[in-house]
């Protein structure tokens, strides 16, 4: 896979480094999983998705650069690395729903969508 130099830089990571990313993603997912509030579930499962992407990208030998649009690039890269188009489709919906909930006065998040989001993130974390 080709990594865009505008969003990713070459770097070596230790197993300890990538384990730290995995643990952070797992911790966020556990917060989402324990909550019954769908906004909390959305926000923390989204953070877990992004951290899962950061972990997989680090395992490929790249660091994510913090730039406008870097979450989109993380989701795209994770989808390519995992060879799973659902990550791109569902991950982008998570991103858009999270942004709507964050920036709009009345975000609309459904229980069904959050269930799908959390199912995807759990599957990804289990594969780390």
C-alpha atoms as a PDB file:
ATOM      1  CA  UNK A   1       0.000   0.000   0.000  1.00  0.00           C
ATOM      2  CA  UNK A   2       1.206   3.520  -0.821  1.00  0.00           C
ATOM      3  CA  UNK A   3       0.951   5.985   2.070  1.00  0.00           C
ATOM      4  CA  UNK A   4       0.363   9.676   1.257  1.00  0.00           C
ATOM      5  CA  UNK A   5       3.372  11.703   2.476  1.00  0.00           C
ATOM      6  CA  UNK A   6       1.041  14.567   3.385  1.00  0.00           C
ATOM      7  CA  UNK A   7      -0.651  12.416   6.039  1.00  0.00           C
ATOM      8  CA  UNK A   8       1.878   9.740   6.955  1.00  0.00           C
ATOM      9  CA  UNK A   9       5.590   9.676   7.723  1.00  0.00           C
ATOM     10  CA  UNK A  10       7.905   6.669   7.858  1.00  0.00           C
ATOM     11  CA  UNK A  11       8.762   5.600  11.411  1.00  0.00           C
ATOM     12  CA  UNK A  12       9.753   2.415  13.210  1.00  0.00           C
ATOM     13  CA  UNK A  13       7.587   1.293  16.102  1.00  0.00           C
ATOM     14  CA  UNK A  14       8.298  -1.310  18.749  1.00  0.00           C
ATOM     15  CA  UNK A  15       5.831  -3.989  19.756  1.00  0.00           C
ATOM     16  CA  UNK A  16       5.461  -2.038  22.999  1.00  0.00           C
ATOM     17  CA  UNK A  17       4.428   1.048  21.010  1.00  0.00           C
ATOM     18  CA  UNK A  18       1.798  -0.790  19.005  1.00  0.00           C
ATOM     19  CA  UNK A  19       0.554  -2.589  22.131  1.00  0.00           C
ATOM     20  CA  UNK A  20       0.025   0.832  23.698  1.00  0.00           C
ATOM     21  CA  UNK A  21      -2.108   1.906  20.726  1.00  0.00           C
ATOM     22  CA  UNK A  22      -4.083  -1.322  20.932  1.00  0.00           C
ATOM     23  CA  UNK A  23      -4.658  -0.911  24.677  1.00  0.00           C
ATOM     24  CA  UNK A  24      -5.817   2.656  24.182  1.00  0.00           C
ATOM     25  CA  UNK A  25      -8.274   1.570  21.475  1.00  0.00           C
ATOM     26  CA  UNK A  26      -9.524  -1.256  23.684  1.00  0.00           C
ATOM     27  CA  UNK A  27      -9.980   1.096  26.651  1.00  0.00           C
ATOM     28  CA  UNK A  28     -12.091   3.477  24.539  1.00  0.00           C
ATOM     29  CA  UNK A  29     -14.144   0.591  23.186  1.00  0.00           C
ATOM     30  CA  UNK A  30     -14.771  -0.688  26.719  1.00  0.00           C
ATOM     31  CA  UNK A  31     -16.076   2.747  27.746  1.00  0.00           C
ATOM     32  CA  UNK A  32     -18.445   2.676  24.759  1.00  0.00           C
ATOM     33  CA  UNK A  33     -19.508  -0.893  25.499  1.00  0.00           C
ATOM     34  CA  UNK A  34     -20.298  -0.196  29.170  1.00  0.00           C
ATOM     35  CA  UNK A  35     -22.366   2.897  28.433  1.00  0.00           C
ATOM     36  CA  UNK A  36     -26.050   2.865  27.581  1.00  0.00           C
ATOM     37  CA  UNK A  37     -25.898   6.426  26.223  1.00  0.00           C
ATOM     38  CA  UNK A  38     -25.714   6.281  22.412  1.00  0.00           C
ATOM     39  CA  UNK A  39     -23.744   9.536  22.169  1.00  0.00           C
ATOM     40  CA  UNK A  40     -21.094   8.103  24.498  1.00  0.00           C
ATOM     41  CA  UNK A  41     -21.127   4.845  22.526  1.00  0.00           C
ATOM     42  CA  UNK A  42     -20.677   6.727  19.246  1.00  0.00           C
ATOM     43  CA  UNK A  43     -17.887   9.010  20.428  1.00  0.00           C
ATOM     44  CA  UNK A  44     -15.848   6.364  22.213  1.00  0.00           C
ATOM     45  CA  UNK A  45     -16.318   3.692  19.536  1.00  0.00           C
ATOM     46  CA  UNK A  46     -15.230   6.269  16.948  1.00  0.00           C
ATOM     47  CA  UNK A  47     -12.116   7.096  18.976  1.00  0.00           C
ATOM     48  CA  UNK A  48     -11.446   3.351  19.237  1.00  0.00           C
ATOM     49  CA  UNK A  49     -11.779   3.044  15.436  1.00  0.00           C
ATOM     50  CA  UNK A  50      -9.292   5.858  14.848  1.00  0.00           C
ATOM     51  CA  UNK A  51      -6.838   4.429  17.402  1.00  0.00           C
ATOM     52  CA  UNK A  52      -7.188   0.991  15.796  1.00  0.00           C
ATOM     53  CA  UNK A  53      -6.280   2.604  12.490  1.00  0.00           C
ATOM     54  CA  UNK A  54      -3.296   4.357  14.061  1.00  0.00           C
ATOM     55  CA  UNK A  55      -2.154   1.007  15.477  1.00  0.00           C
ATOM     56  CA  UNK A  56      -2.442  -0.831  12.148  1.00  0.00           C
ATOM     57  CA  UNK A  57      -0.696   2.023  10.328  1.00  0.00           C
ATOM     58  CA  UNK A  58       2.115   1.955  12.926  1.00  0.00           C
ATOM     59  CA  UNK A  59       2.497  -1.789  12.330  1.00  0.00           C
ATOM     60  CA  UNK A  60       3.035  -0.904   8.658  1.00  0.00           C
ATOM     61  CA  UNK A  61       5.849   1.444   9.730  1.00  0.00           C
ATOM     62  CA  UNK A  62       4.102   4.807   9.460  1.00  0.00           C
ATOM     63  CA  UNK A  63       3.060   7.572  11.842  1.00  0.00           C
ATOM     64  CA  UNK A  64      -0.088   9.584  11.189  1.00  0.00           C
ATOM     65  CA  UNK A  65       0.470  13.309  10.737  1.00  0.00           C
ATOM     66  CA  UNK A  66      -2.113  15.528  12.397  1.00  0.00           C
ATOM     67  CA  UNK A  67      -3.560  17.505   9.498  1.00  0.00           C
ATOM     68  CA  UNK A  68      -7.056  18.555   8.438  1.00  0.00           C
ATOM     69  CA  UNK A  69      -8.659  15.422   7.017  1.00  0.00           C
ATOM     70  CA  UNK A  70      -6.343  12.960   8.736  1.00  0.00           C
ATOM     71  CA  UNK A  71      -9.241  10.938  10.195  1.00  0.00           C
ATOM     72  CA  UNK A  72     -10.522  10.302   6.669  1.00  0.00           C
ATOM     73  CA  UNK A  73      -7.046   9.137   5.646  1.00  0.00           C
ATOM     74  CA  UNK A  74      -6.793   6.861   8.703  1.00  0.00           C
ATOM     75  CA  UNK A  75     -10.125   5.208   7.850  1.00  0.00           C
ATOM     76  CA  UNK A  76      -9.105   4.828   4.179  1.00  0.00           C
ATOM     77  CA  UNK A  77      -5.738   3.316   5.124  1.00  0.00           C
ATOM     78  CA  UNK A  78      -7.289   0.944   7.665  1.00  0.00           C
ATOM     79  CA  UNK A  79      -9.765  -0.256   5.038  1.00  0.00           C
ATOM     80  CA  UNK A  80      -6.952  -0.932   2.560  1.00  0.00           C
ATOM     81  CA  UNK A  81      -4.665  -2.602   5.109  1.00  0.00           C
ATOM     82  CA  UNK A  82      -7.476  -4.869   6.325  1.00  0.00           C
ATOM     83  CA  UNK A  83      -8.786  -5.381   2.759  1.00  0.00           C
ATOM     84  CA  UNK A  84     -12.313  -4.635   3.972  1.00  0.00           C
ATOM     85  CA  UNK A  85     -14.492  -2.070   2.175  1.00  0.00           C
ATOM     86  CA  UNK A  86     -16.995  -2.123   5.076  1.00  0.00           C
ATOM     87  CA  UNK A  87     -14.425  -0.256   7.165  1.00  0.00           C
ATOM     88  CA  UNK A  88     -14.456   2.597   4.669  1.00  0.00           C
ATOM     89  CA  UNK A  89     -18.254   2.746   4.371  1.00  0.00           C
ATOM     90  CA  UNK A  90     -19.134   2.241   8.043  1.00  0.00           C
ATOM     91  CA  UNK A  91     -16.127   4.200   9.325  1.00  0.00           C
ATOM     92  CA  UNK A  92     -17.002   7.196   7.165  1.00  0.00           C
ATOM     93  CA  UNK A  93     -20.610   7.070   8.398  1.00  0.00           C
ATOM     94  CA  UNK A  94     -19.314   6.981  11.975  1.00  0.00           C
ATOM     95  CA  UNK A  95     -17.139  10.012  11.248  1.00  0.00           C
ATOM     96  CA  UNK A  96     -19.993  11.958   9.684  1.00  0.00           C
ATOM     97  CA  UNK A  97     -22.452  11.038  12.462  1.00  0.00           C
ATOM     98  CA  UNK A  98     -19.902  11.984  15.112  1.00  0.00           C
ATOM     99  CA  UNK A  99     -19.302  15.326  13.399  1.00  0.00           C
ATOM    100  CA  UNK A 100     -23.025  15.962  13.106  1.00  0.00           C
ATOM    101  CA  UNK A 101     -23.532  15.109  16.777  1.00  0.00           C
ATOM    102  CA  UNK A 102     -20.599  17.314  17.723  1.00  0.00           C
ATOM    103  CA  UNK A 103     -21.308  20.370  15.570  1.00  0.00           C
ATOM    104  CA  UNK A 104     -25.070  20.381  14.946  1.00  0.00           C
ATOM    105  CA  UNK A 105     -27.596  21.465  17.582  1.00  0.00           C
ATOM    106  CA  UNK A 106     -29.591  18.247  17.199  1.00  0.00           C
ATOM    107  CA  UNK A 107     -27.514  15.297  16.060  1.00  0.00           C
ATOM    108  CA  UNK A 108     -29.483  12.221  15.083  1.00  0.00           C
ATOM    109  CA  UNK A 109     -27.906   8.908  16.012  1.00  0.00           C
ATOM    110  CA  UNK A 110     -29.828   5.655  15.868  1.00  0.00           C
ATOM    111  CA  UNK A 111     -29.424   2.667  18.156  1.00  0.00           C
ATOM    112  CA  UNK A 112     -29.166   0.477  15.055  1.00  0.00           C
ATOM    113  CA  UNK A 113     -26.288   2.507  13.612  1.00  0.00           C
ATOM    114  CA  UNK A 114     -24.405   2.503  16.909  1.00  0.00           C
ATOM    115  CA  UNK A 115     -24.821  -1.277  17.123  1.00  0.00           C
ATOM    116  CA  UNK A 116     -23.295  -1.616  13.631  1.00  0.00           C
ATOM    117  CA  UNK A 117     -20.481   0.808  14.506  1.00  0.00           C
ATOM    118  CA  UNK A 118     -19.592  -1.019  17.695  1.00  0.00           C
ATOM    119  CA  UNK A 119     -19.732  -4.402  15.965  1.00  0.00           C
ATOM    120  CA  UNK A 120     -17.213  -3.220  13.375  1.00  0.00           C
ATOM    121  CA  UNK A 121     -14.855  -1.742  15.959  1.00  0.00           C
ATOM    122  CA  UNK A 122     -14.982  -4.864  18.143  1.00  0.00           C
ATOM    123  CA  UNK A 123     -14.149  -7.023  15.127  1.00  0.00           C
ATOM    124  CA  UNK A 124     -11.191  -4.779  14.257  1.00  0.00           C
ATOM    125  CA  UNK A 125      -9.810  -4.635  17.779  1.00  0.00           C
ATOM    126  CA  UNK A 126     -10.070  -8.425  18.019  1.00  0.00           C
ATOM    127  CA  UNK A 127      -7.854  -8.644  14.907  1.00  0.00           C
ATOM    128  CA  UNK A 128      -5.117  -6.376  16.294  1.00  0.00           C
END
